[in-house]
Amino acid sequence: RDGMEDYEYFWLLEQEIKRVEALKRDAGLVQQARRLLDVPEGVSKDLTHFTTDPRPLLAHRDRIAKMIETLRVCGL
């Protein structure tokens, strides 16, 4: 279930990036958001090398959620 939720967070972030780009708003914020689409090495280097500590993953998920909210406000 968590993996599906993580996928949805990435999908939602990508949709918000596209929406804000189409509105031609805050290019700097869009760049920040795009960087969040890359999974940090502290979470996973590849399909066989990843952390077993949930904290880095939860921290990245939190950053993505906050960015989704920020982009939604920016795009209003």
Protein backbone atom coordinates (compact mmCIF):
# COMPACT_ATOMS: atom_id res chain seq x y z
CA ARG A 1 0.00 0.00 0.00
CA ASP A 2 2.75 2.45 0.88
CA GLY A 3 4.41 1.87 -2.48
CA MET A 4 1.16 2.69 -4.27
CA GLU A 5 0.81 5.86 -2.21
CA ASP A 6 4.40 6.84 -3.02
CA TYR A 7 3.71 6.33 -6.73
CA GLU A 8 0.62 8.52 -6.45
CA TYR A 9 2.62 11.27 -4.74
CA PHE A 10 5.11 11.28 -7.62
CA TRP A 11 2.25 11.26 -10.13
CA LEU A 12 0.48 14.14 -8.37
CA LEU A 13 3.71 16.13 -8.22
CA GLU A 14 4.30 15.63 -11.92
CA GLN A 15 0.75 16.75 -12.74
CA GLU A 16 1.12 19.89 -10.63
CA ILE A 17 4.45 20.69 -12.29
CA LYS A 18 2.82 20.45 -15.72
CA ARG A 19 -0.10 22.61 -14.62
CA VAL A 20 2.08 25.36 -13.13
CA GLU A 21 4.37 25.27 -16.19
CA ALA A 22 1.37 25.70 -18.48
CA LEU A 23 0.37 28.76 -16.47
CA LYS A 24 3.94 30.07 -16.86
CA ARG A 25 4.30 30.67 -13.14
CA ASP A 26 7.37 30.57 -10.87
CA ALA A 27 9.98 28.74 -12.95
CA GLY A 28 12.30 28.51 -9.94
CA LEU A 29 9.68 26.66 -7.93
CA VAL A 30 9.06 24.33 -10.86
CA GLN A 31 12.78 23.52 -10.97
CA GLN A 32 12.75 22.71 -7.26
CA ALA A 33 9.73 20.48 -7.77
CA ARG A 34 11.37 18.65 -10.69
CA ARG A 35 14.37 17.81 -8.49
CA LEU A 36 11.99 16.05 -6.08
CA LEU A 37 11.02 13.64 -8.85
CA ASP A 38 14.51 12.11 -8.53
CA VAL A 39 14.71 9.53 -5.76
CA PRO A 40 17.59 10.46 -3.44
CA GLU A 41 20.47 7.98 -3.20
CA GLY A 42 19.83 7.86 0.55
CA VAL A 43 16.53 6.17 -0.29
CA SER A 44 17.51 4.01 -3.25
CA LYS A 45 20.51 3.80 -5.57
CA ASP A 46 18.89 1.20 -7.84
CA LEU A 47 16.45 -1.70 -7.65
CA THR A 48 18.77 -3.78 -5.48
CA HIS A 49 20.43 -1.13 -3.29
CA PHE A 50 18.09 0.76 -0.98
CA THR A 51 17.81 1.76 2.63
CA THR A 52 15.95 -0.33 5.17
CA ASP A 53 15.52 2.76 7.36
CA PRO A 54 12.11 4.28 6.61
CA ARG A 55 13.09 7.79 7.78
CA PRO A 56 14.77 8.99 4.56
CA LEU A 57 11.80 7.75 2.51
CA LEU A 58 9.28 9.38 4.84
CA ALA A 59 11.25 12.64 4.77
CA HIS A 60 11.29 12.67 0.96
CA ARG A 61 7.58 11.83 0.87
CA ASP A 62 6.94 14.78 3.20
CA ARG A 63 8.93 17.13 0.93
CA ILE A 64 6.92 15.95 -2.08
CA ALA A 65 3.61 16.46 -0.25
CA LYS A 66 4.57 19.98 0.79
CA MET A 67 5.64 20.80 -2.77
CA ILE A 68 2.33 19.52 -4.17
CA GLU A 69 0.51 21.85 -1.78
CA THR A 70 2.82 24.76 -2.67
CA LEU A 71 2.32 24.25 -6.40
CA ARG A 72 -1.45 24.08 -5.97
CA VAL A 73 -1.43 27.45 -4.24
CA CYS A 74 1.00 28.89 -6.80
CA GLY A 75 -1.20 27.78 -9.67
CA LEU A 76 -4.38 29.40 -8.39
